Amino acid sequence: ALQIGVTKGSFYAHFDTRDDLIAAVLGRWEAIDTDQAIRDVEQIADPSERLTRLLELNFERPRWGRVFAALCASVDDPRVKPFMDRVYRRRLAYFEQALVELGVDAVEAQDRAVLIYTAYVGFWRIIAADPEWELQGEERRHRYAEHVKAALIPRPGTS
């Protein structure tokens, strides 16, 4: 309310309940952090480059990573769980599809997709738990993302 220059009352007037506000915020997060991110990388023809760019987005945007970590910590909340489940399934399916396009066997693509996603979840959960953790710096986040990419995204012709 402060950021947009309105009172809390006028802000909340747009929502019938607090749960409606939470659902709107979660929907907006999903639309930006998953849907828009995927649309942005879909413009890249090469699946290896698409995966690389998506991983860079995931690991190197601390503001979105911290939001994601907070949502992971709140996944037991029935208002949060449906959004997180949908995001989880969408991201895994996207990773799997790109890996299959790279020539990775379907079973291995599933496994690699899970490894990519769990590396992402674990990374941001550690930072959320310990904000002083050494990987918080931009250079270290970039190096970590580079290691994940090198380990989990096969180079064309090497799958």
Foldseek 3Di string as FASTA:
>chain_A
DVVVPDDPVVVCVVDPDPLRVLLVVLVVLCCVLAVVLLVVLVVPPQLLVSVLSSLCSLQQDLVNLLVVQVLVVVCVPPSSVVSVVVRLVRQLVSQLVSQVVLVDDSVVSSVLSVVSVVVSNVVSNVCNVPVVPPCNDNVSSVVVSVVSSVVRRDDRPGD
